[in-house]
Amino acid sequence: MPAKIIGLTYVHENQALAMATQCWCERFQRETGADAIVIDLKAIDGMQRLQTTLAKGDIDFCFGVQGVGSRLTIDSGESLWTHYQTPFLGFHYDSPSCNIYNHFCDSLYVANLYGFGCLFEIQQGYVKNAQINERIPYEVDPAERRGIPFKDRPIRMSFLKSGKSPSTYADYLNQIKPPLREALWAAIEKAEKNENLLLCELISNAFKACGFDPTQHWAEFWGFADWIDNYIRSKRAADMVNWLKFQDGAVIIGEGWDFIDKTGAKAIFKRGIPAEEGISVYAQSQFVFNTSPYGSDIIHERVIIGLSDYCCVVSDTNAWWDEHFANVPALYRFRWGTDYGPKILEFINDPTAADKAQTTIGFHRIRETLGGHKQIPQIMKIAKKVRPFAQQKSANPK
């Protein structure tokens, strides 16, 4: 019998969550023959449809990207997953600090799966729960799309990213009382100088240096971790936009860039578009730009799609990219805190850029490092462990 799987989605910026959930369902169908459907929890009948389906008792598991749906309850307040004894898998690709409550709950039927090693390290060291928590490989099966010839592409440089002013987070952090305020800013400075550290470790050390036990100040710890993570993300993106805005042929697509001073800007700013529609922008671009969340092995799809579409790609780097994507002609990796502007200009003005874009090295490196079919079998194996694990733990709570 084919497995029956439900993917849950909800409102998310640029419909990225809906697209990712649909892609997961298609992969389950393609690789295992499963009957995999998407239920939109924001739909009027979404929750009722989910409960009606679960009540039949034949669903193998449900899942939610970024843990969406992990804390659903029935009217009595009991976990939905415990009530229907149905495994739920949270697929996590963001730091636990982004929504710490999606990384633990009372239900033993909920498991947490982490796509990046640095996130799993945070979970193991700083998130306490009694659930199954496992690391899964980050895996893609990219389509080779040469698309429009490089010289005919209508967009010289593209950056698809929503923005938010870093001052939103900096102002909040500056309201923290000393000496913790200074200790946290010192942690941020360390992170900005080294992209491969663990943010939660830096923040924990800052707490301890000021005489605070992070476990006794749990809410504050995760609150500050969230604001610091967002500060670094927003500052990276804003710094890139402030550089790109002066470049002829740059197109910046995304909401939230009103705070940028556009005096003398040459770039074109466009409204945000749905994630699925955004895919077409890459094939029209000669150079794709990327900034990443903080983490030593974070992989962003902007780089993956850009190389798959035979673009030249400019991206910040980390230990993973340095190890696996050195000497890829179409990819220029830069470090924050360096004078990256002149080197990027040299890269995009290189007369051999078209030749670099057309080499197959980048695309084949993606397939070598991120291809394969190990991820889905591992997820299916984990899903089968959840019910016995929950039942055994419930019967023997100690």
Protein backbone atom coordinates (compact mmCIF):
# COMPACT_ATOMS: atom_id res chain seq x y z
CA MET A 1 0.00 0.00 0.00
CA PRO A 2 1.37 3.44 -0.91
CA ALA A 3 1.97 5.69 2.06
CA LYS A 4 -0.56 8.44 2.77
CA ILE A 5 1.05 11.76 3.59
CA ILE A 6 -0.27 15.25 4.34
CA GLY A 7 1.79 18.41 4.01
CA LEU A 8 0.55 21.42 5.95
CA THR A 9 1.01 25.02 4.91
CA TYR A 10 -0.03 28.44 6.10
CA VAL A 11 0.40 32.12 5.19
CA HIS A 12 4.02 32.97 4.40
CA GLU A 13 5.94 35.68 2.61
CA ASN A 14 5.89 35.36 -1.20
CA GLN A 15 4.00 32.04 -0.84
CA ALA A 16 7.37 30.35 -0.26
CA LEU A 17 5.94 27.92 2.30
CA ALA A 18 3.17 26.77 -0.04
CA MET A 19 5.63 26.19 -2.88
CA ALA A 20 8.06 24.28 -0.66
CA THR A 21 5.27 22.07 0.75
CA GLN A 22 3.97 21.27 -2.73
CA CYS A 23 7.49 20.39 -3.87
CA TRP A 24 7.91 18.01 -0.93
CA CYS A 25 4.62 16.29 -1.76
CA GLU A 26 5.68 15.89 -5.38
CA ARG A 27 8.96 14.35 -4.26
CA PHE A 28 7.18 11.86 -1.99
CA GLN A 29 4.90 10.92 -4.87
CA ARG A 30 7.72 10.64 -7.40
CA GLU A 31 10.22 8.75 -5.24
CA THR A 32 7.94 6.48 -3.19
CA GLY A 33 4.60 6.42 -5.01
CA ALA A 34 2.96 7.90 -1.92
CA ASP A 35 -0.44 9.59 -1.95
CA ALA A 36 0.75 13.01 -0.76
CA ILE A 37 -1.58 16.00 -0.52
CA VAL A 38 -1.33 19.59 0.73
CA ILE A 39 -3.81 21.06 3.22
CA ASP A 40 -3.78 24.82 3.62
CA LEU A 41 -4.48 25.65 7.27
CA LYS A 42 -5.49 29.21 6.41
CA ALA A 43 -8.38 27.94 4.27
CA ILE A 44 -11.81 28.22 5.92
CA ASP A 45 -12.23 24.45 5.96
CA GLY A 46 -8.51 23.64 6.37
CA MET A 47 -8.56 22.47 9.97
CA GLN A 48 -11.84 20.59 9.57
CA ARG A 49 -10.53 18.85 6.48
CA LEU A 50 -7.36 17.85 8.33
CA GLN A 51 -9.24 16.41 11.32
CA THR A 52 -11.71 14.55 9.12
CA THR A 53 -8.82 12.98 7.22
CA LEU A 54 -6.89 12.07 10.37
CA ALA A 55 -9.98 10.50 11.92
CA LYS A 56 -9.94 7.81 9.22
CA GLY A 57 -6.77 6.45 10.85
CA ASP A 58 -4.90 5.65 7.65
CA ILE A 59 -2.46 8.58 7.41
CA ASP A 60 1.16 7.47 7.69
CA PHE A 61 2.41 10.91 8.68
CA CYS A 62 1.96 14.63 8.27
CA PHE A 63 4.70 17.21 7.87
CA GLY A 64 5.23 20.94 8.00
CA VAL A 65 8.12 22.98 6.63
CA GLN A 66 9.68 24.99 9.50
CA GLY A 67 7.48 22.95 11.87
CA VAL A 68 4.23 24.64 10.78
CA GLY A 69 1.38 22.67 12.35
CA SER A 70 3.45 20.96 15.05
CA ARG A 71 1.51 22.56 17.92
CA LEU A 72 -2.04 22.09 16.62
CA THR A 73 -4.57 21.03 19.25
CA ILE A 74 -8.15 19.79 19.43
CA ASP A 75 -10.83 21.71 21.36
CA SER A 76 -9.82 20.17 24.70
CA GLY A 77 -6.27 21.48 24.29
CA GLU A 78 -4.76 18.06 23.67
CA SER A 79 -2.21 17.82 20.88
CA LEU A 80 -3.86 16.95 17.58
CA TRP A 81 -1.09 14.47 16.85
CA THR A 82 -1.39 12.72 20.21
CA HIS A 83 -5.17 12.57 19.90
CA TYR A 84 -5.06 10.89 16.49
CA GLN A 85 -1.78 9.06 17.21
CA THR A 86 -0.42 10.36 13.91
CA PRO A 87 3.26 11.17 13.43
CA PHE A 88 4.09 14.75 12.53
CA LEU A 89 7.49 15.69 11.12
CA GLY A 90 8.79 19.24 11.26
CA PHE A 91 11.30 19.97 8.48
CA HIS A 92 13.54 22.73 9.84
CA TYR A 93 15.76 24.93 7.66
CA ASP A 94 15.87 28.01 9.89
CA SER A 95 17.44 28.57 13.29
CA PRO A 96 15.27 27.45 16.23
CA SER A 97 15.37 31.07 17.39
CA CYS A 98 13.11 32.09 14.47
CA ASN A 99 10.20 30.30 16.15
CA ILE A 100 11.43 28.34 19.14
CA TYR A 101 7.94 27.00 19.91
CA ASN A 102 7.93 24.99 16.67
CA HIS A 103 10.93 23.00 17.94
CA PHE A 104 9.31 21.39 20.96
CA CYS A 105 5.86 20.54 22.26
CA ASP A 106 4.23 18.06 24.63
CA SER A 107 3.41 15.51 21.94
CA LEU A 108 5.76 12.58 21.51
CA TYR A 109 4.18 12.07 18.08
CA VAL A 110 6.01 15.16 16.84
CA ALA A 111 9.56 14.72 15.51
CA ASN A 112 12.00 17.45 14.46
CA LEU A 113 14.22 16.99 11.41
CA TYR A 114 17.06 19.43 10.69
CA GLY A 115 18.40 20.09 7.21
CA PHE A 116 21.65 21.77 8.29
CA GLY A 117 24.25 20.62 10.78
CA CYS A 118 24.54 23.99 12.53
CA LEU A 119 20.79 23.97 13.26
CA PHE A 120 20.93 20.42 14.62
CA GLU A 121 23.86 21.48 16.80
CA ILE A 122 21.73 24.30 18.23
CA GLN A 123 18.88 21.86 18.87
CA GLN A 124 21.13 19.37 20.63
CA GLY A 125 22.80 21.99 22.80
CA TYR A 126 20.05 24.48 23.57
CA VAL A 127 16.57 23.06 22.84
CA LYS A 128 15.35 20.57 25.40
CA ASN A 129 12.55 18.18 24.49
CA ALA A 130 11.64 14.52 24.82
CA GLN A 131 10.90 14.06 21.12
CA ILE A 132 12.76 12.45 18.25
CA ASN A 133 15.27 14.94 16.81
CA GLU A 134 17.37 13.96 13.82
CA ARG A 135 19.64 15.45 11.20
CA ILE A 136 18.65 14.83 7.60
CA PRO A 137 20.78 15.60 4.55
CA TYR A 138 20.12 18.73 2.51
CA GLU A 139 19.35 17.35 -0.90
CA VAL A 140 18.26 18.74 -4.25
CA ASP A 141 17.65 17.22 -7.65
CA PRO A 142 18.25 20.26 -9.83
CA ALA A 143 16.99 20.52 -13.35
CA GLU A 144 19.56 21.66 -15.89
CA ARG A 145 18.06 24.75 -17.51
CA ARG A 146 20.36 26.60 -19.86
CA GLY A 147 17.54 28.93 -20.91
CA ILE A 148 18.32 32.20 -22.64
CA PRO A 149 21.90 32.63 -23.95
CA PHE A 150 23.94 34.67 -21.47
CA LYS A 151 24.45 37.65 -23.78
CA ASP A 152 20.70 37.90 -24.51
CA ARG A 153 19.50 37.86 -20.91
CA PRO A 154 17.52 41.04 -20.17
CA ILE A 155 18.57 41.36 -16.50
CA ARG A 156 22.19 42.19 -15.81
CA MET A 157 22.07 41.62 -12.03
CA SER A 158 19.16 40.36 -9.89
CA PHE A 159 18.64 40.16 -6.14
CA LEU A 160 15.38 38.55 -5.00
CA LYS A 161 15.03 39.34 -1.33
CA SER A 162 12.62 41.13 0.98
CA GLY A 163 14.16 43.68 3.30
CA LYS A 164 13.78 45.12 6.75
CA SER A 165 15.78 47.91 8.31
CA PRO A 166 18.54 46.60 10.61
CA SER A 167 17.79 49.55 12.91
CA THR A 168 14.51 47.80 13.84
CA TYR A 169 16.57 45.15 15.63
CA ALA A 170 19.49 47.37 16.66
CA ASP A 171 17.15 49.80 18.44
CA TYR A 172 15.62 46.92 20.38
CA LEU A 173 19.02 45.53 21.35
CA ASN A 174 20.17 48.96 22.50
CA GLN A 175 17.34 49.04 25.02
CA ILE A 176 18.84 46.10 26.93
CA LYS A 177 20.42 47.13 30.19
CA PRO A 178 24.22 46.98 30.55
CA PRO A 179 26.38 45.02 30.93
CA LEU A 180 24.38 42.47 28.93
CA ARG A 181 23.83 44.97 26.11
CA GLU A 182 27.57 45.38 25.57
CA ALA A 183 28.15 41.63 25.87
CA LEU A 184 25.55 40.90 23.19
CA TRP A 185 26.97 43.52 20.82
CA ALA A 186 30.39 41.95 21.37
CA ALA A 187 28.87 38.58 20.41
CA ILE A 188 27.46 40.14 17.24
CA GLU A 189 30.87 41.57 16.40
CA LYS A 190 32.44 38.12 16.73
CA ALA A 191 29.76 36.64 14.47
CA GLU A 192 30.28 39.34 11.86
CA LYS A 193 34.00 38.54 11.76
CA ASN A 194 33.53 34.78 11.52
CA GLU A 195 30.60 33.25 9.63
CA ASN A 196 31.19 29.76 11.07
CA LEU A 197 30.48 30.23 14.76
CA LEU A 198 27.33 29.14 16.62
CA LEU A 199 25.16 32.14 17.47
CA CYS A 200 23.50 30.45 20.43
CA GLU A 201 26.90 29.65 21.91
CA LEU A 202 27.99 33.28 21.58
CA ILE A 203 24.77 34.47 23.21
CA SER A 204 25.00 31.86 25.96
CA ASN A 205 28.57 32.97 26.70
CA ALA A 206 27.42 36.60 26.84
CA PHE A 207 24.73 35.68 29.37
CA LYS A 208 27.16 33.74 31.54
CA ALA A 209 29.77 36.50 31.42
CA CYS A 210 27.15 38.82 32.91
CA GLY A 211 26.17 36.35 35.63
CA PHE A 212 22.97 35.06 34.00
CA ASP A 213 22.11 31.40 33.55
CA PRO A 214 20.51 31.05 30.08
CA THR A 215 18.35 28.16 31.28
CA GLN A 216 16.92 30.35 34.04
CA HIS A 217 16.26 33.19 31.59
CA TRP A 218 14.87 31.02 28.83
CA ALA A 219 12.46 33.51 27.23
CA GLU A 220 15.04 36.30 27.18
CA PHE A 221 17.70 34.00 25.73
CA TRP A 222 15.58 32.93 22.78
CA GLY A 223 14.14 36.41 22.33
CA PHE A 224 17.60 37.94 22.02
CA ALA A 225 18.74 35.06 19.80
CA ASP A 226 15.86 35.80 17.44
CA TRP A 227 16.59 39.52 17.29
CA ILE A 228 20.32 39.00 16.78
CA ASP A 229 19.75 36.41 14.04
CA ASN A 230 17.37 38.81 12.28
CA TYR A 231 19.72 41.75 12.79
CA ILE A 232 22.55 39.91 11.03
CA ARG A 233 20.28 38.76 8.20
CA SER A 234 18.78 42.19 7.64
CA LYS A 235 22.16 43.94 7.84
CA ARG A 236 23.70 41.56 5.32
CA ALA A 237 20.83 42.13 2.88
CA ALA A 238 20.79 45.92 3.43
CA ASP A 239 24.56 46.15 2.92
CA MET A 240 24.20 44.26 -0.35
CA VAL A 241 21.33 46.47 -1.54
CA ASN A 242 23.28 49.59 -0.61
CA TRP A 243 26.07 48.34 -2.85
CA LEU A 244 23.84 47.09 -5.67
CA LYS A 245 21.74 50.26 -5.84
CA PHE A 246 24.63 52.11 -7.50
CA GLN A 247 25.19 49.45 -10.18
CA ASP A 248 23.83 49.88 -13.70
CA GLY A 249 21.56 47.01 -14.66
CA ALA A 250 20.77 45.85 -11.11
CA VAL A 251 17.20 44.78 -10.37
CA ILE A 252 16.16 44.36 -6.72
CA ILE A 253 12.91 42.45 -6.29
CA GLY A 254 11.17 42.33 -2.92
CA GLU A 255 9.11 44.20 -0.36
CA GLY A 256 10.47 46.26 2.51
CA TRP A 257 13.19 48.34 0.85
CA ASP A 258 11.54 51.71 1.52
CA PHE A 259 14.12 52.48 4.22
CA ILE A 260 16.96 52.47 1.67
CA ASP A 261 18.17 55.93 0.62
CA LYS A 262 17.78 55.83 -3.15
CA THR A 263 19.54 59.13 -3.83
CA GLY A 264 21.71 58.59 -6.90
CA ALA A 265 20.55 54.97 -7.23
CA LYS A 266 20.89 53.31 -10.63
CA ALA A 267 19.22 50.02 -9.71
CA ILE A 268 15.56 49.30 -10.39
CA PHE A 269 13.47 48.38 -7.33
CA LYS A 270 10.46 46.12 -7.98
CA ARG A 271 7.69 44.78 -5.79
CA GLY A 272 7.93 41.27 -4.40
CA ILE A 273 6.57 38.37 -6.43
CA PRO A 274 5.45 34.84 -5.48
CA ALA A 275 8.33 32.41 -5.02
CA GLU A 276 7.16 30.22 -7.89
CA GLU A 277 7.11 33.21 -10.24
CA GLY A 278 10.50 34.31 -8.99
CA ILE A 279 12.09 31.15 -10.41
CA SER A 280 11.74 32.59 -13.92
CA VAL A 281 13.86 35.62 -12.97
CA TYR A 282 17.00 33.52 -12.66
CA ALA A 283 16.91 32.31 -16.26
CA GLN A 284 16.66 35.95 -17.36
CA SER A 285 19.63 37.08 -15.24
CA GLN A 286 23.30 37.17 -16.08
CA PHE A 287 24.38 37.64 -12.44
CA VAL A 288 22.39 36.41 -9.45
CA PHE A 289 23.18 37.87 -6.02
CA ASN A 290 22.64 36.17 -2.68
CA THR A 291 22.98 36.90 1.03
CA SER A 292 22.50 34.09 3.53
CA PRO A 293 21.26 33.52 7.06
CA TYR A 294 24.05 33.02 9.60
CA GLY A 295 25.43 29.49 9.85
CA SER A 296 28.48 27.41 8.94
CA ASP A 297 26.68 25.12 6.51
CA ILE A 298 23.59 27.10 5.48
CA ILE A 299 22.76 26.61 1.80
CA HIS A 300 20.44 29.05 0.04
CA GLU A 301 18.44 28.11 -3.04
CA ARG A 302 19.36 31.38 -4.78
CA VAL A 303 22.85 29.97 -5.36
CA ILE A 304 21.56 26.53 -6.34
CA ILE A 305 19.02 27.86 -8.83
CA GLY A 306 21.43 30.44 -10.20
CA LEU A 307 24.09 27.85 -11.00
CA SER A 308 21.45 25.46 -12.37
CA ASP A 309 20.27 28.20 -14.73
CA TYR A 310 23.85 28.84 -15.87
CA CYS A 311 24.03 32.30 -14.34
CA CYS A 312 27.09 33.77 -12.70
CA VAL A 313 26.42 33.93 -8.96
CA VAL A 314 27.74 36.31 -6.30
CA SER A 315 27.20 35.09 -2.73
CA ASP A 316 28.52 35.39 0.79
CA THR A 317 30.21 32.23 1.94
CA ASN A 318 30.67 29.86 4.87
CA ALA A 319 32.67 26.72 5.66
CA TRP A 320 30.40 24.48 3.58
CA TRP A 321 30.66 26.57 0.43
CA ASP A 322 34.41 26.97 0.93
CA GLU A 323 34.87 23.20 1.20
CA HIS A 324 32.60 22.09 -1.63
CA PHE A 325 32.46 24.96 -4.14
CA ALA A 326 36.01 26.25 -4.38
CA ASN A 327 37.20 26.77 -7.95
CA VAL A 328 33.73 27.00 -9.51
CA PRO A 329 34.23 29.67 -12.19
CA ALA A 330 30.62 30.88 -12.22
CA LEU A 331 30.50 31.45 -8.44
CA TYR A 332 32.16 34.35 -6.66
CA ARG A 333 32.22 33.91 -2.88
CA PHE A 334 32.89 36.87 -0.61
CA ARG A 335 33.25 37.46 3.11
CA TRP A 336 31.51 40.09 5.17
CA GLY A 337 33.82 42.56 6.83
CA THR A 338 36.12 42.66 3.79
CA ASP A 339 36.27 45.20 0.98
CA TYR A 340 34.26 42.94 -1.32
CA GLY A 341 32.97 45.65 -3.70
CA PRO A 342 36.01 45.99 -6.01
CA LYS A 343 36.35 42.19 -6.33
CA ILE A 344 32.66 41.81 -7.20
CA LEU A 345 33.00 44.52 -9.86
CA GLU A 346 36.00 42.69 -11.26
CA PHE A 347 33.92 39.50 -11.41
CA ILE A 348 30.87 41.01 -13.13
CA ASN A 349 33.01 43.00 -15.59
CA ASP A 350 35.14 40.03 -16.53
CA PRO A 351 35.00 39.69 -20.35
CA THR A 352 34.99 35.91 -19.91
CA ALA A 353 31.87 35.98 -17.67
CA ALA A 354 29.70 34.38 -20.38
CA ASP A 355 32.19 31.54 -20.70
CA LYS A 356 32.26 31.09 -16.92
CA ALA A 357 28.46 30.95 -16.82
CA GLN A 358 28.32 28.31 -19.53
CA THR A 359 30.74 25.89 -17.90
CA THR A 360 29.05 22.84 -16.42
CA ILE A 361 31.29 22.77 -13.34
CA GLY A 362 28.82 24.55 -11.02
CA PHE A 363 25.83 22.46 -12.03
CA HIS A 364 27.73 19.18 -11.75
CA ARG A 365 29.15 20.24 -8.38
CA ILE A 366 25.56 20.66 -7.16
CA ARG A 367 24.71 17.17 -8.30
CA GLU A 368 27.87 15.73 -6.73
CA THR A 369 27.38 17.37 -3.33
CA LEU A 370 23.60 17.66 -3.00
CA GLY A 371 22.19 15.07 -5.39
CA GLY A 372 21.23 11.50 -4.72
CA HIS A 373 18.16 9.87 -3.23
CA LYS A 374 19.04 9.39 0.43
CA GLN A 375 16.84 12.05 1.99
CA ILE A 376 13.36 10.69 1.26
CA PRO A 377 14.14 7.10 2.38
CA GLN A 378 15.61 8.49 5.62
CA ILE A 379 12.51 10.60 6.25
CA MET A 380 10.23 7.62 5.62
CA LYS A 381 12.32 5.56 8.04
CA ILE A 382 12.11 8.22 10.75
CA ALA A 383 8.35 8.54 10.25
CA LYS A 384 7.93 4.81 10.94
CA LYS A 385 9.80 5.17 14.25
CA VAL A 386 7.52 7.85 15.68
CA ARG A 387 4.43 5.81 16.66
CA PRO A 388 6.37 3.03 18.45
CA PHE A 389 8.56 5.66 20.13
CA ALA A 390 5.56 7.65 21.38
CA GLN A 391 3.68 4.57 22.55
CA GLN A 392 6.70 3.18 24.39
CA LYS A 393 7.50 6.50 26.06
CA SER A 394 3.86 6.97 27.06
CA ALA A 395 3.72 3.52 28.59
CA ASN A 396 7.04 4.07 30.41
CA PRO A 397 7.24 7.82 31.09
CA LYS A 398 10.40 7.48 33.21
